[in-house]
Amino acid sequence: MGINSFQQRRNRVRAKAKVSGRPRLSVFRSNKYIFAQIIEGSGKVVATFSSKSLSKSQKETIKTKTQEAALIGEGIADMAKKKKISKVVFDRGEYKYHGRVKALAEGARKGGLNF
């Protein structure tokens, strides 16, 4: 059995992220939710934020999943600031850089993360 194109893309992106020496901002996207984690080089999760952790008032203002992803990006950036992390590597995993993944990245940049 060979490796499919999604696994190849994931391995290629993660390999580049691990070489940099910075913590990585990892994204997981499901049909219903979107998750963001900041992971150190040793594999320890430093911060995590997801659409499940949004408050009820925040959920009422959101109309699309893309808006939700941007809000998640800003939230993970705030958590990173509290942990004194300003520079990360964006690990999009097997996902292409568009749609919700792009919105999350732009939200994190807006929140103050550099990558």
PDB file of N, CA and C in Angstrom:
ATOM      1  N   MET A   1       0.827  -1.189   0.000  1.00  0.00           N
ATOM      2  CA  MET A   1       0.000   0.000   0.000  1.00  0.00           C
ATOM      3  C   MET A   1       0.866   1.246   0.000  1.00  0.00           C
ATOM      4  N   GLY A   2       0.517   2.180  -0.825  1.00  0.00           N
ATOM      5  CA  GLY A   2       1.265   3.419  -0.906  1.00  0.00           C
ATOM      6  C   GLY A   2       0.641   4.518  -0.074  1.00  0.00           C
ATOM      7  N   ILE A   3       1.316   5.613  -0.020  1.00  0.00           N
ATOM      8  CA  ILE A   3       0.812   6.779   0.702  1.00  0.00           C
ATOM      9  C   ILE A   3      -0.010   7.608  -0.267  1.00  0.00           C
ATOM     10  N   ASN A   4      -1.212   8.017   0.179  1.00  0.00           N
ATOM     11  CA  ASN A   4      -2.035   8.832  -0.707  1.00  0.00           C
ATOM     12  C   ASN A   4      -1.583  10.297  -0.670  1.00  0.00           C
ATOM     13  N   SER A   5      -2.155  11.104  -1.533  1.00  0.00           N
ATOM     14  CA  SER A   5      -1.691  12.489  -1.696  1.00  0.00           C
ATOM     15  C   SER A   5      -1.917  13.339  -0.448  1.00  0.00           C
ATOM     16  N   PHE A   6      -2.972  13.034   0.337  1.00  0.00           N
ATOM     17  CA  PHE A   6      -3.219  13.802   1.555  1.00  0.00           C
ATOM     18  C   PHE A   6      -2.124  13.539   2.578  1.00  0.00           C
ATOM     19  N   GLN A   7      -1.738  12.277   2.725  1.00  0.00           N
ATOM     20  CA  GLN A   7      -0.680  11.931   3.669  1.00  0.00           C
ATOM     21  C   GLN A   7       0.661  12.510   3.226  1.00  0.00           C
ATOM     22  N   GLN A   8       0.917  12.505   1.928  1.00  0.00           N
ATOM     23  CA  GLN A   8       2.148  13.093   1.408  1.00  0.00           C
ATOM     24  C   GLN A   8       2.204  14.581   1.718  1.00  0.00           C
ATOM     25  N   ARG A   9       1.087  15.275   1.497  1.00  0.00           N
ATOM     26  CA  ARG A   9       1.045  16.717   1.763  1.00  0.00           C
ATOM     27  C   ARG A   9       1.250  16.980   3.249  1.00  0.00           C
ATOM     28  N   ARG A  10       0.595  16.199   4.114  1.00  0.00           N
ATOM     29  CA  ARG A  10       0.726  16.367   5.555  1.00  0.00           C
ATOM     30  C   ARG A  10       2.180  16.165   5.988  1.00  0.00           C
ATOM     31  N   ASN A  11       2.810  15.106   5.487  1.00  0.00           N
ATOM     32  CA  ASN A  11       4.203  14.829   5.852  1.00  0.00           C
ATOM     33  C   ASN A  11       5.141  15.931   5.377  1.00  0.00           C
ATOM     34  N   ARG A  12       4.929  16.444   4.177  1.00  0.00           N
ATOM     35  CA  ARG A  12       5.773  17.501   3.623  1.00  0.00           C
ATOM     36  C   ARG A  12       5.652  18.783   4.445  1.00  0.00           C
ATOM     37  N   VAL A  13       4.425  19.163   4.791  1.00  0.00           N
ATOM     38  CA  VAL A  13       4.188  20.395   5.556  1.00  0.00           C
ATOM     39  C   VAL A  13       4.769  20.267   6.957  1.00  0.00           C
ATOM     40  N   ARG A  14       4.556  19.127   7.627  1.00  0.00           N
ATOM     41  CA  ARG A  14       5.046  18.936   8.992  1.00  0.00           C
ATOM     42  C   ARG A  14       6.566  18.884   9.037  1.00  0.00           C
ATOM     43  N   ALA A  15       7.188  18.286   8.030  1.00  0.00           N
ATOM     44  CA  ALA A  15       8.649  18.202   8.004  1.00  0.00           C
ATOM     45  C   ALA A  15       9.263  19.596   7.946  1.00  0.00           C
ATOM     46  N   LYS A  16       8.687  20.472   7.143  1.00  0.00           N
ATOM     47  CA  LYS A  16       9.184  21.844   7.051  1.00  0.00           C
ATOM     48  C   LYS A  16       8.958  22.593   8.361  1.00  0.00           C
ATOM     49  N   ALA A  17       7.832  22.328   9.026  1.00  0.00           N
ATOM     50  CA  ALA A  17       7.517  23.010  10.277  1.00  0.00           C
ATOM     51  C   ALA A  17       8.475  22.589  11.390  1.00  0.00           C
ATOM     52  N   LYS A  18       8.843  21.311  11.434  1.00  0.00           N
ATOM     53  CA  LYS A  18       9.699  20.820  12.510  1.00  0.00           C
ATOM     54  C   LYS A  18      11.135  21.298  12.376  1.00  0.00           C
ATOM     55  N   VAL A  19      11.594  21.562  11.170  1.00  0.00           N
ATOM     56  CA  VAL A  19      12.971  22.011  10.938  1.00  0.00           C
ATOM     57  C   VAL A  19      13.196  23.421  11.483  1.00  0.00           C
ATOM     58  N   SER A  20      12.157  24.235  11.515  1.00  0.00           N
ATOM     59  CA  SER A  20      12.307  25.651  11.860  1.00  0.00           C
ATOM     60  C   SER A  20      12.701  25.896  13.309  1.00  0.00           C
ATOM     61  N   GLY A  21      12.339  25.004  14.216  1.00  0.00           N
ATOM     62  CA  GLY A  21      12.670  25.205  15.621  1.00  0.00           C
ATOM     63  C   GLY A  21      11.647  26.029  16.384  1.00  0.00           C
ATOM     64  N   ARG A  22      10.674  26.575  15.711  1.00  0.00           N
ATOM     65  CA  ARG A  22       9.615  27.350  16.365  1.00  0.00           C
ATOM     66  C   ARG A  22       8.462  26.412  16.749  1.00  0.00           C
ATOM     67  N   PRO A  23       7.611  26.857  17.680  1.00  0.00           N
ATOM     68  CA  PRO A  23       6.380  26.091  17.924  1.00  0.00           C
ATOM     69  C   PRO A  23       5.506  26.147  16.674  1.00  0.00           C
ATOM     70  N   ARG A  24       4.678  25.130  16.470  1.00  0.00           N
ATOM     71  CA  ARG A  24       3.834  25.140  15.279  1.00  0.00           C
ATOM     72  C   ARG A  24       2.373  25.326  15.651  1.00  0.00           C
ATOM     73  N   LEU A  25       1.682  26.067  14.820  1.00  0.00           N
ATOM     74  CA  LEU A  25       0.248  26.280  14.960  1.00  0.00           C
ATOM     75  C   LEU A  25      -0.429  25.263  14.053  1.00  0.00           C
ATOM     76  N   SER A  26      -0.944  24.197  14.653  1.00  0.00           N
ATOM     77  CA  SER A  26      -1.530  23.098  13.903  1.00  0.00           C
ATOM     78  C   SER A  26      -3.037  23.286  13.789  1.00  0.00           C
ATOM     79  N   VAL A  27      -3.575  22.984  12.611  1.00  0.00           N
ATOM     80  CA  VAL A  27      -4.995  23.166  12.340  1.00  0.00           C
ATOM     81  C   VAL A  27      -5.623  21.818  12.012  1.00  0.00           C
ATOM     82  N   PHE A  28      -6.788  21.548  12.617  1.00  0.00           N
ATOM     83  CA  PHE A  28      -7.596  20.402  12.238  1.00  0.00           C
ATOM     84  C   PHE A  28      -8.988  20.904  11.921  1.00  0.00           C
ATOM     85  N   ARG A  29      -9.505  20.460  10.811  1.00  0.00           N
ATOM     86  CA  ARG A  29     -10.802  20.926  10.341  1.00  0.00           C
ATOM     87  C   ARG A  29     -11.705  19.714  10.138  1.00  0.00           C
ATOM     88  N   SER A  30     -12.872  19.737  10.776  1.00  0.00           N
ATOM     89  CA  SER A  30     -13.874  18.711  10.519  1.00  0.00           C
ATOM     90  C   SER A  30     -15.048  19.395   9.820  1.00  0.00           C
ATOM     91  N   ASN A  31     -16.064  18.636   9.511  1.00  0.00           N
ATOM     92  CA  ASN A  31     -17.223  19.235   8.852  1.00  0.00           C
ATOM     93  C   ASN A  31     -17.954  20.215   9.762  1.00  0.00           C
ATOM     94  N   LYS A  32     -17.914  19.967  11.065  1.00  0.00           N
ATOM     95  CA  LYS A  32     -18.682  20.772  12.004  1.00  0.00           C
ATOM     96  C   LYS A  32     -17.835  21.775  12.791  1.00  0.00           C
ATOM     97  N   TYR A  33     -16.601  21.399  13.138  1.00  0.00           N
ATOM     98  CA  TYR A  33     -15.761  22.222  14.004  1.00  0.00           C
ATOM     99  C   TYR A  33     -14.418  22.514  13.352  1.00  0.00           C
ATOM    100  N   ILE A  34     -13.681  23.435  13.966  1.00  0.00           N
ATOM    101  CA  ILE A  34     -12.294  23.685  13.573  1.00  0.00           C
ATOM    102  C   ILE A  34     -11.476  23.858  14.854  1.00  0.00           C
ATOM    103  N   PHE A  35     -10.299  23.256  14.862  1.00  0.00           N
ATOM    104  CA  PHE A  35      -9.449  23.229  16.041  1.00  0.00           C
ATOM    105  C   PHE A  35      -8.080  23.824  15.699  1.00  0.00           C
ATOM    106  N   ALA A  36      -7.482  24.508  16.667  1.00  0.00           N
ATOM    107  CA  ALA A  36      -6.131  25.054  16.505  1.00  0.00           C
ATOM    108  C   ALA A  36      -5.343  24.740  17.767  1.00  0.00           C
ATOM    109  N   GLN A  37      -4.095  24.273  17.573  1.00  0.00           N
ATOM    110  CA  GLN A  37      -3.219  23.962  18.693  1.00  0.00           C
ATOM    111  C   GLN A  37      -1.848  24.562  18.445  1.00  0.00           C
ATOM    112  N   ILE A  38      -1.200  25.005  19.511  1.00  0.00           N
ATOM    113  CA  ILE A  38       0.195  25.404  19.426  1.00  0.00           C
ATOM    114  C   ILE A  38       1.001  24.300  20.097  1.00  0.00           C
ATOM    115  N   ILE A  39       1.932  23.719  19.330  1.00  0.00           N
ATOM    116  CA  ILE A  39       2.675  22.547  19.772  1.00  0.00           C
ATOM    117  C   ILE A  39       4.170  22.874  19.745  1.00  0.00           C
ATOM    118  N   GLU A  40       4.857  22.585  20.846  1.00  0.00           N
ATOM    119  CA  GLU A  40       6.309  22.783  20.920  1.00  0.00           C
ATOM    120  C   GLU A  40       7.012  21.693  20.116  1.00  0.00           C
ATOM    121  N   GLY A  41       8.315  21.855  19.922  1.00  0.00           N
ATOM    122  CA  GLY A  41       9.105  20.894  19.173  1.00  0.00           C
ATOM    123  C   GLY A  41       9.108  19.504  19.776  1.00  0.00           C
ATOM    124  N   SER A  42       8.974  19.422  21.110  1.00  0.00           N
ATOM    125  CA  SER A  42       8.974  18.125  21.788  1.00  0.00           C
ATOM    126  C   SER A  42       7.645  17.397  21.649  1.00  0.00           C
ATOM    127  N   GLY A  43       6.628  18.076  21.111  1.00  0.00           N
ATOM    128  CA  GLY A  43       5.317  17.467  20.939  1.00  0.00           C
ATOM    129  C   GLY A  43       4.328  17.850  22.022  1.00  0.00           C
ATOM    130  N   LYS A  44       4.746  18.702  22.947  1.00  0.00           N
ATOM    131  CA  LYS A  44       3.877  19.135  24.040  1.00  0.00           C
ATOM    132  C   LYS A  44       2.920  20.223  23.530  1.00  0.00           C
ATOM    133  N   VAL A  45       1.634  20.061  23.813  1.00  0.00           N
ATOM    134  CA  VAL A  45       0.627  21.043  23.419  1.00  0.00           C
ATOM    135  C   VAL A  45       0.649  22.177  24.443  1.00  0.00           C
ATOM    136  N   VAL A  46       0.911  23.388  23.959  1.00  0.00           N
ATOM    137  CA  VAL A  46       1.020  24.556  24.830  1.00  0.00           C
ATOM    138  C   VAL A  46      -0.327  25.250  24.982  1.00  0.00           C
ATOM    139  N   ALA A  47      -1.057  25.387  23.876  1.00  0.00           N
ATOM    140  CA  ALA A  47      -2.345  26.075  23.903  1.00  0.00           C
ATOM    141  C   ALA A  47      -3.268  25.436  22.879  1.00  0.00           C
ATOM    142  N   THR A  48      -4.548  25.453  23.174  1.00  0.00           N
ATOM    143  CA  THR A  48      -5.528  24.914  22.240  1.00  0.00           C
ATOM    144  C   THR A  48      -6.787  25.769  22.283  1.00  0.00           C
ATOM    145  N   PHE A  49      -7.410  25.912  21.143  1.00  0.00           N
ATOM    146  CA  PHE A  49      -8.642  26.678  21.029  1.00  0.00           C
ATOM    147  C   PHE A  49      -9.461  26.086  19.895  1.00  0.00           C
ATOM    148  N   SER A  50     -10.763  25.999  20.077  1.00  0.00           N
ATOM    149  CA  SER A  50     -11.598  25.392  19.044  1.00  0.00           C
ATOM    150  C   SER A  50     -12.957  26.064  18.996  1.00  0.00           C
ATOM    151  N   SER A  51     -13.726  25.709  17.988  1.00  0.00           N
ATOM    152  CA  SER A  51     -15.066  26.259  17.862  1.00  0.00           C
ATOM    153  C   SER A  51     -15.989  25.708  18.941  1.00  0.00           C
ATOM    154  N   LYS A  52     -15.593  24.608  19.572  1.00  0.00           N
ATOM    155  CA  LYS A  52     -16.365  24.079  20.699  1.00  0.00           C
ATOM    156  C   LYS A  52     -16.213  24.952  21.933  1.00  0.00           C
ATOM    157  N   SER A  53     -15.101  25.663  22.044  1.00  0.00           N
ATOM    158  CA  SER A  53     -14.823  26.452  23.241  1.00  0.00           C
ATOM    159  C   SER A  53     -15.326  27.891  23.148  1.00  0.00           C
ATOM    160  N   LEU A  54     -16.074  28.217  22.099  1.00  0.00           N
ATOM    161  CA  LEU A  54     -16.641  29.561  21.982  1.00  0.00           C
ATOM    162  C   LEU A  54     -17.827  29.722  22.930  1.00  0.00           C
ATOM    163  N   SER A  55     -18.009  30.928  23.432  1.00  0.00           N
ATOM    164  CA  SER A  55     -19.143  31.185  24.312  1.00  0.00           C
ATOM    165  C   SER A  55     -20.431  31.296  23.488  1.00  0.00           C
ATOM    166  N   LYS A  56     -21.543  31.223  24.184  1.00  0.00           N
ATOM    167  CA  LYS A  56     -22.837  31.269  23.510  1.00  0.00           C
ATOM    168  C   LYS A  56     -23.053  32.605  22.800  1.00  0.00           C
ATOM    169  N   SER A  57     -22.602  33.699  23.411  1.00  0.00           N
ATOM    170  CA  SER A  57     -22.775  35.018  22.797  1.00  0.00           C
ATOM    171  C   SER A  57     -21.918  35.152  21.537  1.00  0.00           C
ATOM    172  N   GLN A  58     -20.718  34.529  21.543  1.00  0.00           N
ATOM    173  CA  GLN A  58     -19.875  34.555  20.350  1.00  0.00           C
ATOM    174  C   GLN A  58     -20.497  33.741  19.229  1.00  0.00           C
ATOM    175  N   LYS A  59     -21.087  32.610  19.571  1.00  0.00           N
ATOM    176  CA  LYS A  59     -21.692  31.745  18.560  1.00  0.00           C
ATOM    177  C   LYS A  59     -22.891  32.412  17.881  1.00  0.00           C
ATOM    178  N   GLU A  60     -23.596  33.267  18.624  1.00  0.00           N
ATOM    179  CA  GLU A  60     -24.767  33.936  18.059  1.00  0.00           C
ATOM    180  C   GLU A  60     -24.388  34.972  17.007  1.00  0.00           C
ATOM    181  N   THR A  61     -23.199  35.543  17.106  1.00  0.00           N
ATOM    182  CA  THR A  61     -22.779  36.564  16.147  1.00  0.00           C
ATOM    183  C   THR A  61     -22.217  35.961  14.857  1.00  0.00           C
ATOM    184  N   ILE A  62     -21.861  34.687  14.895  1.00  0.00           N
ATOM    185  CA  ILE A  62     -21.242  34.025  13.745  1.00  0.00           C
ATOM    186  C   ILE A  62     -22.321  33.551  12.766  1.00  0.00           C
ATOM    187  N   LYS A  63     -22.086  33.843  11.487  1.00  0.00           N
ATOM    188  CA  LYS A  63     -23.039  33.421  10.465  1.00  0.00           C
ATOM    189  C   LYS A  63     -22.483  32.306   9.580  1.00  0.00           C
ATOM    190  N   THR A  64     -21.155  32.282   9.389  1.00  0.00           N
ATOM    191  CA  THR A  64     -20.553  31.267   8.523  1.00  0.00           C
ATOM    192  C   THR A  64     -19.400  30.573   9.245  1.00  0.00           C
ATOM    193  N   LYS A  65     -19.024  29.412   8.742  1.00  0.00           N
ATOM    194  CA  LYS A  65     -17.894  28.669   9.307  1.00  0.00           C
ATOM    195  C   LYS A  65     -16.583  29.419   9.086  1.00  0.00           C
ATOM    196  N   THR A  66     -16.510  30.208   8.015  1.00  0.00           N
ATOM    197  CA  THR A  66     -15.302  30.987   7.748  1.00  0.00           C
ATOM    198  C   THR A  66     -15.128  32.083   8.800  1.00  0.00           C
ATOM    199  N   GLN A  67     -16.214  32.736   9.181  1.00  0.00           N
ATOM    200  CA  GLN A  67     -16.155  33.733  10.246  1.00  0.00           C
ATOM    201  C   GLN A  67     -15.755  33.070  11.565  1.00  0.00           C
ATOM    202  N   GLU A  68     -16.275  31.883  11.790  1.00  0.00           N
ATOM    203  CA  GLU A  68     -15.935  31.124  12.992  1.00  0.00           C
ATOM    204  C   GLU A  68     -14.437  30.817  13.032  1.00  0.00           C
ATOM    205  N   ALA A  69     -13.879  30.421  11.893  1.00  0.00           N
ATOM    206  CA  ALA A  69     -12.454  30.091  11.815  1.00  0.00           C
ATOM    207  C   ALA A  69     -11.594  31.318  12.105  1.00  0.00           C
ATOM    208  N   ALA A  70     -11.989  32.478  11.601  1.00  0.00           N
ATOM    209  CA  ALA A  70     -11.245  33.712  11.870  1.00  0.00           C
ATOM    210  C   ALA A  70     -11.260  34.029  13.365  1.00  0.00           C
ATOM    211  N   LEU A  71     -12.381  33.795  14.006  1.00  0.00           N
ATOM    212  CA  LEU A  71     -12.500  34.028  15.442  1.00  0.00           C
ATOM    213  C   LEU A  71     -11.621  33.050  16.227  1.00  0.00           C
ATOM    214  N   ILE A  72     -11.522  31.824  15.761  1.00  0.00           N
ATOM    215  CA  ILE A  72     -10.658  30.826  16.390  1.00  0.00           C
ATOM    216  C   ILE A  72      -9.198  31.265  16.269  1.00  0.00           C
ATOM    217  N   GLY A  73      -8.824  31.802  15.105  1.00  0.00           N
ATOM    218  CA  GLY A  73      -7.465  32.297  14.906  1.00  0.00           C
ATOM    219  C   GLY A  73      -7.120  33.408  15.880  1.00  0.00           C
ATOM    220  N   GLU A  74      -8.044  34.334  16.075  1.00  0.00           N
ATOM    221  CA  GLU A  74      -7.810  35.417  17.032  1.00  0.00           C
ATOM    222  C   GLU A  74      -7.720  34.876  18.455  1.00  0.00           C
ATOM    223  N   GLY A  75      -8.543  33.879  18.762  1.00  0.00           N
ATOM    224  CA  GLY A  75      -8.530  33.287  20.104  1.00  0.00           C
ATOM    225  C   GLY A  75      -7.228  32.577  20.418  1.00  0.00           C
ATOM    226  N   ILE A  76      -6.716  31.814  19.458  1.00  0.00           N
ATOM    227  CA  ILE A  76      -5.454  31.102  19.686  1.00  0.00           C
ATOM    228  C   ILE A  76      -4.294  32.084  19.778  1.00  0.00           C
ATOM    229  N   ALA A  77      -4.387  33.204  19.060  1.00  0.00           N
ATOM    230  CA  ALA A  77      -3.348  34.234  19.155  1.00  0.00           C
ATOM    231  C   ALA A  77      -3.338  34.858  20.554  1.00  0.00           C
ATOM    232  N   ASP A  78      -4.522  35.087  21.124  1.00  0.00           N
ATOM    233  CA  ASP A  78      -4.597  35.624  22.482  1.00  0.00           C
ATOM    234  C   ASP A  78      -3.993  34.651  23.495  1.00  0.00           C
ATOM    235  N   MET A  79      -4.291  33.367  23.316  1.00  0.00           N
ATOM    236  CA  MET A  79      -3.738  32.363  24.223  1.00  0.00           C
ATOM    237  C   MET A  79      -2.219  32.293  24.099  1.00  0.00           C
ATOM    238  N   ALA A  80      -1.719  32.447  22.875  1.00  0.00           N
ATOM    239  CA  ALA A  80      -0.276  32.415  22.651  1.00  0.00           C
ATOM    240  C   ALA A  80       0.398  33.612  23.309  1.00  0.00           C
ATOM    241  N   LYS A  81      -0.245  34.781  23.259  1.00  0.00           N
ATOM    242  CA  LYS A  81       0.305  35.972  23.906  1.00  0.00           C
ATOM    243  C   LYS A  81       0.440  35.753  25.410  1.00  0.00           C
ATOM    244  N   LYS A  82      -0.551  35.090  26.005  1.00  0.00           N
ATOM    245  CA  LYS A  82      -0.510  34.820  27.442  1.00  0.00           C
ATOM    246  C   LYS A  82       0.645  33.894  27.794  1.00  0.00           C
ATOM    247  N   LYS A  83       1.006  33.014  26.868  1.00  0.00           N
ATOM    248  CA  LYS A  83       2.125  32.081  27.079  1.00  0.00           C
ATOM    249  C   LYS A  83       3.449  32.667  26.585  1.00  0.00           C
ATOM    250  N   LYS A  84       3.422  33.940  26.165  1.00  0.00           N
ATOM    251  CA  LYS A  84       4.600  34.654  25.664  1.00  0.00           C
ATOM    252  C   LYS A  84       5.183  34.021  24.395  1.00  0.00           C
ATOM    253  N   ILE A  85       4.296  33.619  23.512  1.00  0.00           N
ATOM    254  CA  ILE A  85       4.699  33.080  22.206  1.00  0.00           C
ATOM    255  C   ILE A  85       4.245  34.072  21.152  1.00  0.00           C
ATOM    256  N   SER A  86       5.200  34.532  20.317  1.00  0.00           N
ATOM    257  CA  SER A  86       4.842  35.495  19.283  1.00  0.00           C
ATOM    258  C   SER A  86       5.130  34.976  17.878  1.00  0.00           C
ATOM    259  N   LYS A  87       6.085  34.042  17.761  1.00  0.00           N
ATOM    260  CA  LYS A  87       6.443  33.509  16.450  1.00  0.00           C
ATOM    261  C   LYS A  87       6.153  32.011  16.401  1.00  0.00           C
ATOM    262  N   VAL A  88       5.414  31.605  15.388  1.00  0.00           N
ATOM    263  CA  VAL A  88       5.082  30.197  15.195  1.00  0.00           C
ATOM    264  C   VAL A  88       5.244  29.842  13.722  1.00  0.00           C
ATOM    265  N   VAL A  89       5.145  28.561  13.432  1.00  0.00           N
ATOM    266  CA  VAL A  89       5.105  28.065  12.063  1.00  0.00           C
ATOM    267  C   VAL A  89       3.698  27.554  11.835  1.00  0.00           C
ATOM    268  N   PHE A  90       3.091  27.934  10.735  1.00  0.00           N
ATOM    269  CA  PHE A  90       1.721  27.519  10.446  1.00  0.00           C
ATOM    270  C   PHE A  90       1.737  26.126   9.840  1.00  0.00           C
ATOM    271  N   ASP A  91       1.116  25.182  10.526  1.00  0.00           N
ATOM    272  CA  ASP A  91       1.025  23.791  10.075  1.00  0.00           C
ATOM    273  C   ASP A  91      -0.410  23.542   9.637  1.00  0.00           C
ATOM    274  N   ARG A  92      -0.628  23.628   8.344  1.00  0.00           N
ATOM    275  CA  ARG A  92      -1.979  23.442   7.809  1.00  0.00           C
ATOM    276  C   ARG A  92      -2.331  21.985   7.626  1.00  0.00           C
ATOM    277  N   GLY A  93      -1.371  21.096   7.874  1.00  0.00           N
ATOM    278  CA  GLY A  93      -1.625  19.663   7.763  1.00  0.00           C
ATOM    279  C   GLY A  93      -1.883  19.270   6.325  1.00  0.00           C
ATOM    280  N   GLU A  94      -2.939  18.526   6.109  1.00  0.00           N
ATOM    281  CA  GLU A  94      -3.259  18.037   4.765  1.00  0.00           C
ATOM    282  C   GLU A  94      -4.180  18.977   4.004  1.00  0.00           C
ATOM    283  N   TYR A  95      -4.533  20.104   4.611  1.00  0.00           N
ATOM    284  CA  TYR A  95      -5.512  21.007   4.007  1.00  0.00           C
ATOM    285  C   TYR A  95      -4.833  22.055   3.134  1.00  0.00           C
ATOM    286  N   LYS A  96      -5.464  22.392   2.053  1.00  0.00           N
ATOM    287  CA  LYS A  96      -4.964  23.466   1.200  1.00  0.00           C
ATOM    288  C   LYS A  96      -5.201  24.802   1.884  1.00  0.00           C
ATOM    289  N   TYR A  97      -4.387  25.783   1.559  1.00  0.00           N
ATOM    290  CA  TYR A  97      -4.458  27.099   2.196  1.00  0.00           C
ATOM    291  C   TYR A  97      -5.530  27.937   1.512  1.00  0.00           C
ATOM    292  N   HIS A  98      -6.774  27.671   1.844  1.00  0.00           N
ATOM    293  CA  HIS A  98      -7.885  28.492   1.380  1.00  0.00           C
ATOM    294  C   HIS A  98      -9.081  28.210   2.270  1.00  0.00           C
ATOM    295  N   GLY A  99     -10.095  29.029   2.153  1.00  0.00           N
ATOM    296  CA  GLY A  99     -11.313  28.818   2.927  1.00  0.00           C
ATOM    297  C   GLY A  99     -11.101  29.022   4.407  1.00  0.00           C
ATOM    298  N   ARG A 100     -11.568  28.041   5.192  1.00  0.00           N
ATOM    299  CA  ARG A 100     -11.513  28.156   6.648  1.00  0.00           C
ATOM    300  C   ARG A 100     -10.084  28.150   7.187  1.00  0.00           C
ATOM    301  N   VAL A 101      -9.210  27.396   6.549  1.00  0.00           N
ATOM    302  CA  VAL A 101      -7.812  27.340   7.001  1.00  0.00           C
ATOM    303  C   VAL A 101      -7.148  28.704   6.805  1.00  0.00           C
ATOM    304  N   LYS A 102      -7.400  29.323   5.674  1.00  0.00           N
ATOM    305  CA  LYS A 102      -6.850  30.650   5.400  1.00  0.00           C
ATOM    306  C   LYS A 102      -7.434  31.690   6.364  1.00  0.00           C
ATOM    307  N   ALA A 103      -8.737  31.588   6.642  1.00  0.00           N
ATOM    308  CA  ALA A 103      -9.383  32.526   7.559  1.00  0.00           C
ATOM    309  C   ALA A 103      -8.802  32.402   8.966  1.00  0.00           C
ATOM    310  N   LEU A 104      -8.512  31.177   9.399  1.00  0.00           N
ATOM    311  CA  LEU A 104      -7.905  30.968  10.706  1.00  0.00           C
ATOM    312  C   LEU A 104      -6.512  31.605  10.751  1.00  0.00           C
ATOM    313  N   ALA A 105      -5.726  31.421   9.695  1.00  0.00           N
ATOM    314  CA  ALA A 105      -4.384  31.994   9.637  1.00  0.00           C
ATOM    315  C   ALA A 105      -4.437  33.516   9.672  1.00  0.00           C
ATOM    316  N   GLU A 106      -5.334  34.100   8.917  1.00  0.00           N
ATOM    317  CA  GLU A 106      -5.456  35.558   8.897  1.00  0.00           C
ATOM    318  C   GLU A 106      -5.942  36.091  10.247  1.00  0.00           C
ATOM    319  N   GLY A 107      -6.835  35.348  10.905  1.00  0.00           N
ATOM    320  CA  GLY A 107      -7.280  35.744  12.240  1.00  0.00           C
ATOM    321  C   GLY A 107      -6.160  35.694  13.255  1.00  0.00           C
ATOM    322  N   ALA A 108      -5.292  34.680  13.143  1.00  0.00           N
ATOM    323  CA  ALA A 108      -4.148  34.577  14.047  1.00  0.00           C
ATOM    324  C   ALA A 108      -3.165  35.709  13.814  1.00  0.00           C
ATOM    325  N   ARG A 109      -2.962  36.067  12.552  1.00  0.00           N
ATOM    326  CA  ARG A 109      -2.074  37.207  12.251  1.00  0.00           C
ATOM    327  C   ARG A 109      -2.655  38.498  12.796  1.00  0.00           C
ATOM    328  N   LYS A 110      -3.967  38.648  12.650  1.00  0.00           N
ATOM    329  CA  LYS A 110      -4.648  39.837  13.168  1.00  0.00           C
ATOM    330  C   LYS A 110      -4.520  39.902  14.697  1.00  0.00           C
ATOM    331  N   GLY A 111      -4.519  38.736  15.329  1.00  0.00           N
ATOM    332  CA  GLY A 111      -4.377  38.661  16.783  1.00  0.00           C
ATOM    333  C   GLY A 111      -2.969  38.900  17.283  1.00  0.00           C
ATOM    334  N   GLY A 112      -1.974  38.906  16.370  1.00  0.00           N
ATOM    335  CA  GLY A 112      -0.615  39.249  16.762  1.00  0.00           C
ATOM    336  C   GLY A 112       0.421  38.155  16.576  1.00  0.00           C
ATOM    337  N   LEU A 113       0.051  37.001  16.048  1.00  0.00           N
ATOM    338  CA  LEU A 113       1.050  35.953  15.818  1.00  0.00           C
ATOM    339  C   LEU A 113       1.803  36.223  14.531  1.00  0.00           C
ATOM    340  N   ASN A 114       3.094  35.925  14.519  1.00  0.00           N
ATOM    341  CA  ASN A 114       3.919  36.088  13.332  1.00  0.00           C
ATOM    342  C   ASN A 114       4.291  34.725  12.783  1.00  0.00           C
ATOM    343  N   PHE A 115       4.011  34.517  11.490  1.00  0.00           N
ATOM    344  CA  PHE A 115       4.454  33.315  10.791  1.00  0.00           C
ATOM    345  C   PHE A 115       4.519  33.563   9.323  1.00  0.00           C
TER     346      PHE A 115
END
